[in-house]
Amino acid sequence: MKRKGGATSGLRSLPMGTRIVTLFCCALALMIALVPLIWLLISSFKEDPLAQPGFQLPRALYFGGYLSTFRDLHVLRFFGNSMLISIVSVAVSVLMISMSAYVVARIPFRGKGVVRLLLSTTLFIPATALTYPVYDLINRLGLYNTRSGLILVYACSGIAVSFFVIQNYYAAVPVEIEDAARIDGCGYVRTWRSIVFPIARPGILTAAVLAFLSNWNEYYWASLLLIDRRKMTVPGLLSTFTTSFRTNYNGLFSAMVVIILPPILLYVILHKFFIEALSGGAVKG
């Protein structure tokens, strides 16, 4: 309650023109985010969305697309594949990054700037530029058309973003807390495990959520490395509604609504940590 009051009083203290611009920008951002979702939801209940385009309400609610998604396409199998691949890849990457980011943030060593530079450059390399090297590596490892191969790719693909999110959060942890732990006899590993990790949990969870959403929605690597339909992830479900001759828009829109529900639920559950990590440091005082 205090946080809401503080935010409200802070907004009211701004000049009138600034308040109007701020509220307009917030309303515009909200509209840009919600309008496509509302359009998608309405269209998913139309038997023929092309016959009733736009925001026209359906003449009668049609659930054929949803029934086809769950009954005929076995969407739960796709969900299971995506959950398994996304959760395992996130766990592996966040575990590695949370420890390595602490080393870079706290322990002095030669070449630290080079490490940051190399990680930064990976943010600007498109996935298509890595197609052949990754494809060849997965083949050589015998992981082509396996969930393990896709998990390996996902665990490595989002390292840079997660690294900088977690490292910035570590930087906000007062060094005095760690110094006190070392005076009590804790080494770097025990200090990280017992002191820093619990404090930095919101930042680590934020990196995990961002990585999960990226993996859940990713289609390029999944379509390239998996050819067995039984192993395909959720985005692969959408391709079943499109052929060379016809697109089932009702089924496509219904499947899209089903696909975006888990990320929304994930944010609803973890939004407290997400907002805390993005709005300030680990320790305030």
Protein backbone atom coordinates (compact mmCIF):
# COMPACT_ATOMS: atom_id res chain seq x y z
CA MET A 1 0.00 0.00 0.00
CA LYS A 2 2.80 2.37 0.81
CA ARG A 3 4.43 1.68 -2.52
CA LYS A 4 1.22 2.54 -4.37
CA GLY A 5 0.76 5.72 -2.37
CA GLY A 6 4.35 6.73 -2.96
CA ALA A 7 4.01 6.17 -6.69
CA THR A 8 0.77 8.17 -6.79
CA SER A 9 2.17 11.08 -4.82
CA GLY A 10 5.29 11.03 -6.98
CA LEU A 11 3.15 11.30 -10.12
CA ARG A 12 1.09 14.12 -8.65
CA SER A 13 4.21 16.07 -7.80
CA LEU A 14 5.15 16.27 -11.48
CA PRO A 15 4.18 19.26 -13.62
CA MET A 16 0.80 18.95 -15.34
CA GLY A 17 2.33 18.66 -18.82
CA THR A 18 4.69 15.89 -17.71
CA ARG A 19 1.82 14.03 -16.06
CA ILE A 20 -0.29 14.21 -19.21
CA VAL A 21 2.56 12.94 -21.40
CA THR A 22 3.37 10.17 -18.90
CA LEU A 23 -0.24 8.99 -18.67
CA PHE A 24 -0.64 9.18 -22.45
CA CYS A 25 2.49 7.07 -23.01
CA CYS A 26 1.33 4.50 -20.43
CA ALA A 27 -2.12 4.32 -22.03
CA LEU A 28 -0.59 3.97 -25.49
CA ALA A 29 1.74 1.19 -24.34
CA LEU A 30 -1.16 -0.60 -22.64
CA MET A 31 -3.29 -0.32 -25.78
CA ILE A 32 -0.50 -1.63 -28.03
CA ALA A 33 -0.07 -4.61 -25.69
CA LEU A 34 -3.74 -5.44 -25.14
CA VAL A 35 -5.43 -4.69 -28.48
CA PRO A 36 -3.81 -7.60 -30.39
CA LEU A 37 -4.62 -10.00 -27.53
CA ILE A 38 -8.27 -8.89 -27.43
CA TRP A 39 -8.52 -9.19 -31.22
CA LEU A 40 -6.98 -12.67 -31.07
CA LEU A 41 -9.34 -13.82 -28.32
CA ILE A 42 -12.44 -12.54 -30.16
CA SER A 43 -11.31 -14.08 -33.46
CA SER A 44 -10.72 -17.48 -31.83
CA PHE A 45 -14.47 -17.79 -31.14
CA LYS A 46 -15.50 -17.06 -34.76
CA GLU A 47 -16.15 -20.00 -37.04
CA ASP A 48 -14.73 -18.02 -39.98
CA PRO A 49 -12.64 -15.06 -38.79
CA LEU A 50 -12.21 -13.81 -42.36
CA ALA A 51 -15.98 -13.48 -42.79
CA GLN A 52 -16.15 -11.36 -39.62
CA PRO A 53 -12.87 -9.44 -39.58
CA GLY A 54 -11.66 -7.02 -36.95
CA PHE A 55 -13.32 -6.59 -33.58
CA GLN A 56 -16.80 -7.70 -34.64
CA LEU A 57 -18.26 -9.95 -31.99
CA PRO A 58 -19.00 -13.50 -33.21
CA ARG A 59 -22.60 -14.17 -34.22
CA ALA A 60 -22.41 -17.32 -32.11
CA LEU A 61 -19.59 -18.63 -29.94
CA TYR A 62 -17.69 -21.32 -31.85
CA PHE A 63 -15.46 -23.68 -29.89
CA GLY A 64 -14.42 -25.89 -32.79
CA GLY A 65 -10.90 -24.51 -32.88
CA TYR A 66 -10.31 -25.22 -29.20
CA LEU A 67 -11.81 -28.71 -29.46
CA SER A 68 -9.58 -29.47 -32.44
CA THR A 69 -6.51 -28.17 -30.62
CA PHE A 70 -7.01 -30.41 -27.58
CA ARG A 71 -8.75 -33.44 -29.11
CA ASP A 72 -7.22 -33.87 -32.56
CA LEU A 73 -3.78 -32.29 -32.24
CA HIS A 74 -2.90 -33.63 -28.77
CA VAL A 75 -1.77 -30.19 -27.60
CA LEU A 76 -0.82 -31.57 -24.17
CA ARG A 77 2.01 -33.53 -25.81
CA PHE A 78 3.39 -30.31 -27.30
CA PHE A 79 2.97 -28.62 -23.92
CA GLY A 80 4.86 -31.44 -22.24
CA ASN A 81 7.74 -31.19 -24.70
CA SER A 82 7.96 -27.41 -24.33
CA MET A 83 7.78 -27.58 -20.53
CA LEU A 84 10.49 -30.23 -20.32
CA ILE A 85 12.85 -28.54 -22.78
CA SER A 86 12.30 -25.02 -21.42
CA ILE A 87 12.57 -25.89 -17.71
CA VAL A 88 15.66 -28.10 -18.06
CA SER A 89 17.47 -25.63 -20.32
CA VAL A 90 16.65 -22.73 -17.99
CA ALA A 91 17.82 -24.67 -14.92
CA VAL A 92 21.13 -25.55 -16.59
CA SER A 93 21.82 -22.07 -17.95
CA VAL A 94 20.78 -20.14 -14.82
CA LEU A 95 22.83 -22.43 -12.56
CA MET A 96 25.95 -21.87 -14.66
CA ILE A 97 25.37 -18.16 -15.19
CA SER A 98 24.49 -17.36 -11.59
CA MET A 99 27.88 -18.70 -10.48
CA SER A 100 29.93 -17.29 -13.35
CA ALA A 101 28.30 -13.86 -13.04
CA TYR A 102 29.29 -13.77 -9.38
CA VAL A 103 32.90 -14.51 -10.32
CA VAL A 104 32.92 -11.66 -12.85
CA ALA A 105 31.12 -9.27 -10.50
CA ARG A 106 33.22 -9.88 -7.40
CA ILE A 107 36.49 -11.70 -8.03
CA PRO A 108 39.27 -9.68 -9.71
CA PHE A 109 41.09 -11.46 -12.54
CA ARG A 110 42.85 -10.57 -15.76
CA GLY A 111 40.68 -10.57 -18.85
CA LYS A 112 37.42 -9.65 -17.09
CA GLY A 113 36.77 -6.91 -19.65
CA VAL A 114 37.34 -9.38 -22.48
CA VAL A 115 34.74 -11.75 -20.99
CA ARG A 116 32.17 -8.96 -20.84
CA LEU A 117 33.00 -7.88 -24.39
CA LEU A 118 32.67 -11.38 -25.82
CA LEU A 119 29.34 -11.88 -24.08
CA SER A 120 28.10 -8.52 -25.35
CA THR A 121 28.96 -9.36 -28.95
CA THR A 122 26.78 -12.50 -28.83
CA LEU A 123 23.73 -10.25 -28.41
CA PHE A 124 24.22 -8.95 -31.96
CA ILE A 125 24.75 -12.28 -33.74
CA PRO A 126 21.53 -13.49 -35.45
CA ALA A 127 20.54 -17.12 -35.07
CA THR A 128 20.64 -17.63 -38.84
CA ALA A 129 24.39 -16.84 -38.86
CA LEU A 130 24.95 -19.77 -36.48
CA THR A 131 22.78 -22.23 -38.38
CA TYR A 132 25.49 -24.38 -39.94
CA PRO A 133 27.94 -24.43 -36.97
CA VAL A 134 25.18 -25.36 -34.52
CA TYR A 135 23.62 -27.89 -36.89
CA ASP A 136 27.01 -29.50 -37.52
CA LEU A 137 27.88 -29.59 -33.82
CA ILE A 138 24.57 -31.19 -32.84
CA ASN A 139 25.04 -33.80 -35.58
CA ARG A 140 28.58 -34.61 -34.46
CA LEU A 141 27.38 -35.03 -30.88
CA GLY A 142 24.67 -37.44 -32.04
CA LEU A 143 21.94 -35.20 -30.64
CA TYR A 144 20.06 -34.39 -33.85
CA ASN A 145 16.29 -34.94 -33.53
CA THR A 146 16.58 -35.29 -29.75
CA ARG A 147 15.23 -33.12 -26.96
CA SER A 148 18.72 -33.10 -25.42
CA GLY A 149 20.14 -31.35 -28.49
CA LEU A 150 17.53 -28.60 -28.30
CA ILE A 151 18.07 -28.25 -24.54
CA LEU A 152 21.80 -27.76 -25.18
CA VAL A 153 21.13 -25.04 -27.76
CA TYR A 154 18.60 -23.25 -25.55
CA ALA A 155 20.86 -23.44 -22.50
CA CYS A 156 23.61 -21.65 -24.44
CA SER A 157 21.57 -19.25 -26.57
CA GLY A 158 20.37 -16.89 -23.84
CA ILE A 159 23.54 -16.73 -21.77
CA ALA A 160 24.38 -13.07 -22.45
CA VAL A 161 21.02 -11.59 -21.40
CA SER A 162 20.81 -13.71 -18.24
CA PHE A 163 24.44 -12.98 -17.41
CA PHE A 164 24.02 -9.20 -17.46
CA VAL A 165 20.72 -9.29 -15.54
CA ILE A 166 22.20 -11.41 -12.76
CA GLN A 167 25.57 -9.62 -12.71
CA ASN A 168 23.89 -6.22 -12.31
CA TYR A 169 21.90 -7.61 -9.43
CA TYR A 170 25.05 -8.94 -7.75
CA ALA A 171 26.61 -5.51 -8.13
CA ALA A 172 23.79 -4.08 -5.99
CA VAL A 173 24.60 -6.39 -3.07
CA PRO A 174 26.72 -4.44 -0.53
CA VAL A 175 30.28 -5.74 -0.39
CA GLU A 176 30.22 -5.28 3.40
CA ILE A 177 27.84 -8.23 3.74
CA GLU A 178 30.28 -10.51 1.95
CA ASP A 179 33.24 -9.11 3.90
CA ALA A 180 31.46 -9.94 7.15
CA ALA A 181 30.86 -13.49 5.92
CA ARG A 182 34.52 -13.95 5.05
CA ILE A 183 35.56 -12.66 8.47
CA ASP A 184 33.46 -15.49 9.86
CA GLY A 185 35.44 -17.94 7.74
CA CYS A 186 33.29 -18.30 4.62
CA GLY A 187 35.02 -18.74 1.28
CA TYR A 188 33.74 -17.45 -2.06
CA VAL A 189 31.61 -20.55 -2.73
CA ARG A 190 29.98 -20.62 0.70
CA THR A 191 29.45 -16.84 0.63
CA TRP A 192 27.70 -17.13 -2.73
CA ARG A 193 25.58 -20.10 -1.65
CA SER A 194 24.58 -18.86 1.80
CA ILE A 195 24.58 -15.07 1.50
CA VAL A 196 24.55 -13.73 -2.05
CA PHE A 197 22.31 -16.28 -3.75
CA PRO A 198 19.33 -15.83 -1.35
CA ILE A 199 19.60 -12.02 -1.58
CA ALA A 200 19.88 -12.06 -5.38
CA ARG A 201 17.02 -14.53 -5.84
CA PRO A 202 14.64 -11.98 -7.46
CA GLY A 203 17.25 -11.11 -10.08
CA ILE A 204 17.99 -14.78 -10.75
CA LEU A 205 14.27 -15.54 -11.04
CA THR A 206 13.89 -12.65 -13.46
CA ALA A 207 16.65 -14.07 -15.67
CA ALA A 208 15.00 -17.49 -15.43
CA VAL A 209 11.59 -16.11 -16.44
CA LEU A 210 13.06 -14.22 -19.41
CA ALA A 211 14.92 -17.34 -20.54
CA PHE A 212 11.82 -19.50 -20.12
CA LEU A 213 9.67 -17.14 -22.21
CA SER A 214 12.33 -17.02 -24.92
CA ASN A 215 12.60 -20.82 -25.04
CA TRP A 216 8.84 -21.33 -24.89
CA ASN A 217 8.23 -19.07 -27.91
CA GLU A 218 11.29 -20.12 -29.95
CA TYR A 219 10.58 -21.86 -33.25
CA TYR A 220 13.67 -21.54 -35.48
CA TRP A 221 15.97 -23.99 -33.67
CA ALA A 222 13.09 -26.31 -32.77
CA SER A 223 12.04 -26.63 -36.42
CA LEU A 224 15.66 -27.11 -37.51
CA LEU A 225 16.79 -29.68 -34.94
CA LEU A 226 13.59 -31.69 -34.42
CA ILE A 227 11.89 -33.59 -37.24
CA ASP A 228 9.91 -36.06 -35.14
CA ARG A 229 6.45 -34.57 -34.63
CA ARG A 230 6.14 -36.30 -31.27
CA LYS A 231 9.09 -34.26 -29.97
CA MET A 232 8.03 -30.87 -31.38
CA THR A 233 7.51 -27.90 -29.08
CA VAL A 234 4.44 -25.68 -28.80
CA PRO A 235 5.30 -23.21 -31.63
CA GLY A 236 5.42 -26.18 -33.99
CA LEU A 237 1.72 -26.68 -33.30
CA LEU A 238 0.89 -23.55 -35.29
CA SER A 239 2.34 -24.95 -38.52
CA THR A 240 -0.28 -27.72 -38.52
CA PHE A 241 -3.00 -25.18 -39.31
CA THR A 242 -1.27 -23.90 -42.45
CA THR A 243 -0.87 -25.81 -45.70
CA SER A 244 0.07 -24.80 -49.22
CA PHE A 245 -3.61 -24.48 -50.16
CA ARG A 246 -5.55 -23.41 -47.07
CA THR A 247 -5.14 -21.91 -43.62
CA ASN A 248 -7.52 -22.82 -40.81
CA TYR A 249 -7.63 -19.41 -39.14
CA ASN A 250 -10.08 -20.39 -36.43
CA GLY A 251 -7.90 -23.29 -35.35
CA LEU A 252 -4.77 -21.16 -35.69
CA PHE A 253 -6.14 -18.37 -33.49
CA SER A 254 -7.49 -20.84 -30.92
CA ALA A 255 -4.11 -22.56 -30.69
CA MET A 256 -2.37 -19.20 -30.29
CA VAL A 257 -4.63 -18.33 -27.34
CA VAL A 258 -3.82 -21.67 -25.70
CA ILE A 259 -0.09 -21.20 -26.31
CA ILE A 260 0.16 -17.76 -24.68
CA LEU A 261 -1.66 -18.80 -21.49
CA PRO A 262 1.31 -20.49 -19.70
CA PRO A 263 3.63 -17.44 -20.02
CA ILE A 264 0.84 -15.20 -18.72
CA LEU A 265 0.21 -17.50 -15.76
CA LEU A 266 3.95 -17.65 -15.08
CA TYR A 267 4.14 -13.88 -14.93
CA VAL A 268 1.08 -13.68 -12.66
CA ILE A 269 2.73 -16.10 -10.23
CA LEU A 270 6.21 -14.52 -10.29
CA HIS A 271 5.40 -10.87 -11.02
CA LYS A 272 6.41 -9.81 -7.50
CA PHE A 273 10.00 -11.00 -8.01
CA PHE A 274 10.03 -9.76 -11.60
CA ILE A 275 9.01 -6.20 -10.69
CA GLU A 276 11.33 -6.14 -7.68
CA ALA A 277 14.32 -7.17 -9.76
CA LEU A 278 13.64 -4.63 -12.51
CA SER A 279 12.79 -1.73 -10.19
CA GLY A 280 15.81 -1.65 -7.92
CA GLY A 281 18.76 -3.41 -6.38
CA ALA A 282 19.00 -6.43 -4.18
CA VAL A 283 19.38 -4.59 -0.89
CA LYS A 284 17.88 -1.22 -0.17
CA GLY A 285 18.63 0.96 2.75
